[in-house]
Amino acid sequence: MNLFQIFDLIGRAVSLGVFLVEQPGNGEKKKQAVIDMVLSLMDEFDIRVPLSDSVFEFVLDFLVDSVVDILNSTIWKEEATA
């Protein structure tokens, strides 16, 4: 699996995780649950990223925030106004 495929898989896992933990409030707990899920998935399937742990944690944190921001401004915004 090349780096692009790895990050594609991680991005999909982050998106799925965000949907799975969605409920009102507890943003930081939900974020940590998504990060833990992704790390567990990577460990379970022996997926390795050629980055230091601190860099990968930064990237993963950014991915979760980005997915939530996109959903807040699109799908979840529409649900809140419906």
N, C-alpha and C. Protein backbone atom coordinates (compact mmCIF):
# COMPACT_ATOMS: atom_id res chain seq x y z
N MET A 1 0.84 -1.16 0.00
CA MET A 1 0.00 0.00 0.00
C MET A 1 0.90 1.24 0.00
N ASN A 2 0.67 2.13 -0.96
CA ASN A 2 1.49 3.34 -1.02
C ASN A 2 0.93 4.42 -0.09
N LEU A 3 1.67 5.50 0.07
CA LEU A 3 1.30 6.56 1.01
C LEU A 3 -0.06 7.17 0.67
N PHE A 4 -0.33 7.38 -0.61
CA PHE A 4 -1.62 7.93 -1.02
C PHE A 4 -2.76 7.00 -0.59
N GLN A 5 -2.60 5.72 -0.81
CA GLN A 5 -3.62 4.75 -0.43
C GLN A 5 -3.81 4.70 1.08
N ILE A 6 -2.71 4.81 1.81
CA ILE A 6 -2.80 4.81 3.28
C ILE A 6 -3.60 6.01 3.76
N PHE A 7 -3.29 7.20 3.24
CA PHE A 7 -4.01 8.38 3.68
C PHE A 7 -5.45 8.40 3.18
N ASP A 8 -5.72 7.80 2.04
CA ASP A 8 -7.10 7.66 1.58
C ASP A 8 -7.88 6.81 2.57
N LEU A 9 -7.30 5.69 2.98
CA LEU A 9 -7.94 4.81 3.96
C LEU A 9 -8.13 5.52 5.30
N ILE A 10 -7.12 6.23 5.75
CA ILE A 10 -7.22 6.95 7.02
C ILE A 10 -8.30 8.02 6.94
N GLY A 11 -8.36 8.74 5.83
CA GLY A 11 -9.40 9.76 5.65
C GLY A 11 -10.80 9.16 5.70
N ARG A 12 -10.97 8.01 5.08
CA ARG A 12 -12.27 7.34 5.12
C ARG A 12 -12.60 6.87 6.53
N ALA A 13 -11.61 6.37 7.23
CA ALA A 13 -11.82 5.92 8.61
C ALA A 13 -12.18 7.10 9.51
N VAL A 14 -11.53 8.23 9.32
CA VAL A 14 -11.85 9.43 10.10
C VAL A 14 -13.30 9.85 9.83
N SER A 15 -13.69 9.88 8.56
CA SER A 15 -15.06 10.27 8.22
C SER A 15 -16.07 9.33 8.85
N LEU A 16 -15.83 8.04 8.76
CA LEU A 16 -16.72 7.06 9.37
C LEU A 16 -16.78 7.25 10.88
N GLY A 17 -15.63 7.43 11.49
CA GLY A 17 -15.58 7.63 12.93
C GLY A 17 -16.35 8.85 13.38
N VAL A 18 -16.24 9.94 12.64
CA VAL A 18 -16.96 11.16 12.99
C VAL A 18 -18.46 10.91 12.97
N PHE A 19 -18.94 10.19 11.95
CA PHE A 19 -20.36 9.87 11.89
C PHE A 19 -20.78 8.95 13.03
N LEU A 20 -19.94 7.99 13.37
CA LEU A 20 -20.28 7.03 14.42
C LEU A 20 -20.40 7.66 15.80
N VAL A 21 -19.60 8.65 16.09
CA VAL A 21 -19.62 9.25 17.43
C VAL A 21 -20.50 10.48 17.51
N GLU A 22 -21.18 10.85 16.43
CA GLU A 22 -21.94 12.09 16.42
C GLU A 22 -23.10 12.07 17.40
N GLN A 23 -23.09 13.08 18.25
CA GLN A 23 -24.15 13.37 19.20
C GLN A 23 -23.86 14.77 19.73
N PRO A 24 -24.84 15.45 20.28
CA PRO A 24 -24.59 16.81 20.77
C PRO A 24 -23.55 16.85 21.90
N GLY A 25 -22.68 17.84 21.85
CA GLY A 25 -21.71 18.08 22.92
C GLY A 25 -20.54 17.12 22.96
N ASN A 26 -19.68 17.31 23.96
CA ASN A 26 -18.50 16.46 24.20
C ASN A 26 -17.55 16.40 23.01
N GLY A 27 -17.30 17.53 22.38
CA GLY A 27 -16.46 17.57 21.18
C GLY A 27 -15.10 16.92 21.34
N GLU A 28 -14.41 17.24 22.42
CA GLU A 28 -13.06 16.68 22.60
C GLU A 28 -13.09 15.17 22.85
N LYS A 29 -14.10 14.70 23.58
CA LYS A 29 -14.23 13.26 23.81
C LYS A 29 -14.53 12.53 22.51
N LYS A 30 -15.40 13.12 21.69
CA LYS A 30 -15.73 12.51 20.39
C LYS A 30 -14.50 12.49 19.50
N LYS A 31 -13.75 13.58 19.50
CA LYS A 31 -12.54 13.66 18.68
C LYS A 31 -11.55 12.59 19.10
N GLN A 32 -11.35 12.43 20.41
CA GLN A 32 -10.43 11.41 20.89
C GLN A 32 -10.92 10.01 20.55
N ALA A 33 -12.24 9.80 20.59
CA ALA A 33 -12.80 8.50 20.22
C ALA A 33 -12.50 8.17 18.76
N VAL A 34 -12.61 9.17 17.89
CA VAL A 34 -12.31 8.96 16.47
C VAL A 34 -10.82 8.65 16.29
N ILE A 35 -9.96 9.41 16.94
CA ILE A 35 -8.52 9.19 16.84
C ILE A 35 -8.17 7.80 17.35
N ASP A 36 -8.74 7.41 18.49
CA ASP A 36 -8.48 6.07 19.03
C ASP A 36 -8.94 4.98 18.08
N MET A 37 -10.11 5.19 17.44
CA MET A 37 -10.63 4.21 16.49
C MET A 37 -9.68 4.05 15.30
N VAL A 38 -9.21 5.17 14.77
CA VAL A 38 -8.30 5.12 13.62
C VAL A 38 -6.99 4.43 14.00
N LEU A 39 -6.44 4.78 15.14
CA LEU A 39 -5.19 4.14 15.58
C LEU A 39 -5.38 2.65 15.81
N SER A 40 -6.53 2.26 16.36
CA SER A 40 -6.83 0.84 16.57
C SER A 40 -6.95 0.11 15.24
N LEU A 41 -7.62 0.73 14.28
CA LEU A 41 -7.76 0.14 12.95
C LEU A 41 -6.39 -0.05 12.31
N MET A 42 -5.55 0.96 12.42
CA MET A 42 -4.21 0.87 11.84
C MET A 42 -3.40 -0.23 12.51
N ASP A 43 -3.52 -0.35 13.82
CA ASP A 43 -2.81 -1.39 14.55
C ASP A 43 -3.33 -2.78 14.16
N GLU A 44 -4.64 -2.91 14.10
CA GLU A 44 -5.27 -4.20 13.78
C GLU A 44 -4.83 -4.71 12.41
N PHE A 45 -4.71 -3.82 11.44
CA PHE A 45 -4.36 -4.21 10.08
C PHE A 45 -2.89 -3.94 9.74
N ASP A 46 -2.09 -3.64 10.76
CA ASP A 46 -0.66 -3.42 10.61
C ASP A 46 -0.35 -2.37 9.54
N ILE A 47 -1.06 -1.25 9.61
CA ILE A 47 -0.85 -0.15 8.67
C ILE A 47 0.15 0.82 9.31
N ARG A 48 1.22 1.07 8.61
CA ARG A 48 2.28 1.95 9.11
C ARG A 48 2.40 3.18 8.21
N VAL A 49 2.62 4.31 8.84
CA VAL A 49 2.79 5.57 8.13
C VAL A 49 4.23 6.02 8.33
N PRO A 50 4.91 6.40 7.24
CA PRO A 50 6.31 6.80 7.36
C PRO A 50 6.48 8.22 7.90
N LEU A 51 5.87 8.47 9.05
CA LEU A 51 5.97 9.77 9.72
C LEU A 51 6.26 9.53 11.19
N SER A 52 6.85 10.50 11.84
CA SER A 52 7.04 10.38 13.29
C SER A 52 5.67 10.40 13.96
N ASP A 53 5.60 9.87 15.16
CA ASP A 53 4.33 9.83 15.89
C ASP A 53 3.75 11.23 16.08
N SER A 54 4.60 12.19 16.42
CA SER A 54 4.10 13.55 16.67
C SER A 54 3.56 14.19 15.40
N VAL A 55 4.21 13.97 14.27
CA VAL A 55 3.72 14.52 13.00
C VAL A 55 2.41 13.84 12.62
N PHE A 56 2.36 12.52 12.77
CA PHE A 56 1.13 11.81 12.41
C PHE A 56 -0.03 12.22 13.32
N GLU A 57 0.23 12.42 14.61
CA GLU A 57 -0.82 12.88 15.52
C GLU A 57 -1.35 14.25 15.09
N PHE A 58 -0.45 15.13 14.65
CA PHE A 58 -0.85 16.44 14.16
C PHE A 58 -1.74 16.29 12.92
N VAL A 59 -1.33 15.44 11.98
CA VAL A 59 -2.09 15.22 10.75
C VAL A 59 -3.46 14.63 11.08
N LEU A 60 -3.51 13.65 11.95
CA LEU A 60 -4.76 13.01 12.31
C LEU A 60 -5.69 14.00 13.00
N ASP A 61 -5.16 14.81 13.89
CA ASP A 61 -5.93 15.85 14.57
C ASP A 61 -6.53 16.82 13.54
N PHE A 62 -5.70 17.22 12.58
CA PHE A 62 -6.15 18.12 11.52
C PHE A 62 -7.25 17.48 10.68
N LEU A 63 -7.09 16.20 10.34
CA LEU A 63 -8.10 15.50 9.54
C LEU A 63 -9.45 15.45 10.25
N VAL A 64 -9.44 15.12 11.53
CA VAL A 64 -10.70 15.06 12.28
C VAL A 64 -11.36 16.44 12.30
N ASP A 65 -10.60 17.47 12.62
CA ASP A 65 -11.16 18.83 12.65
C ASP A 65 -11.70 19.23 11.28
N SER A 66 -11.00 18.88 10.22
CA SER A 66 -11.43 19.24 8.87
C SER A 66 -12.73 18.55 8.49
N VAL A 67 -12.84 17.27 8.78
CA VAL A 67 -14.08 16.54 8.47
C VAL A 67 -15.25 17.14 9.25
N VAL A 68 -15.04 17.41 10.53
CA VAL A 68 -16.11 18.00 11.36
C VAL A 68 -16.49 19.38 10.83
N ASP A 69 -15.52 20.21 10.46
CA ASP A 69 -15.81 21.54 9.91
C ASP A 69 -16.64 21.44 8.64
N ILE A 70 -16.28 20.53 7.75
CA ILE A 70 -17.03 20.36 6.50
C ILE A 70 -18.46 19.92 6.80
N LEU A 71 -18.61 18.93 7.68
CA LEU A 71 -19.95 18.44 8.01
C LEU A 71 -20.77 19.50 8.74
N ASN A 72 -20.14 20.28 9.61
CA ASN A 72 -20.86 21.36 10.31
C ASN A 72 -21.37 22.42 9.35
N SER A 73 -20.64 22.66 8.27
CA SER A 73 -21.05 23.71 7.33
C SER A 73 -21.93 23.18 6.20
N THR A 74 -22.16 21.87 6.15
CA THR A 74 -22.98 21.31 5.07
C THR A 74 -24.11 20.45 5.65
N ILE A 75 -23.88 19.19 5.79
CA ILE A 75 -24.92 18.23 6.18
C ILE A 75 -25.54 18.57 7.53
N TRP A 76 -24.72 18.76 8.56
CA TRP A 76 -25.26 18.99 9.89
C TRP A 76 -25.90 20.36 10.00
N LYS A 77 -25.44 21.34 9.23
CA LYS A 77 -26.06 22.67 9.23
C LYS A 77 -27.47 22.57 8.67
N GLU A 78 -27.62 21.80 7.59
CA GLU A 78 -28.93 21.62 6.97
C GLU A 78 -29.88 20.91 7.93
N GLU A 79 -29.39 19.91 8.67
CA GLU A 79 -30.23 19.19 9.63
C GLU A 79 -30.67 20.11 10.76
N ALA A 80 -29.78 20.99 11.19
CA ALA A 80 -30.10 21.88 12.31
C ALA A 80 -31.16 22.91 11.93
N THR A 81 -31.20 23.31 10.65
CA THR A 81 -32.16 24.31 10.21
C THR A 81 -33.46 23.69 9.72
N ALA A 82 -33.50 22.38 9.59
CA ALA A 82 -34.71 21.72 9.08
C ALA A 82 -35.79 21.61 10.13
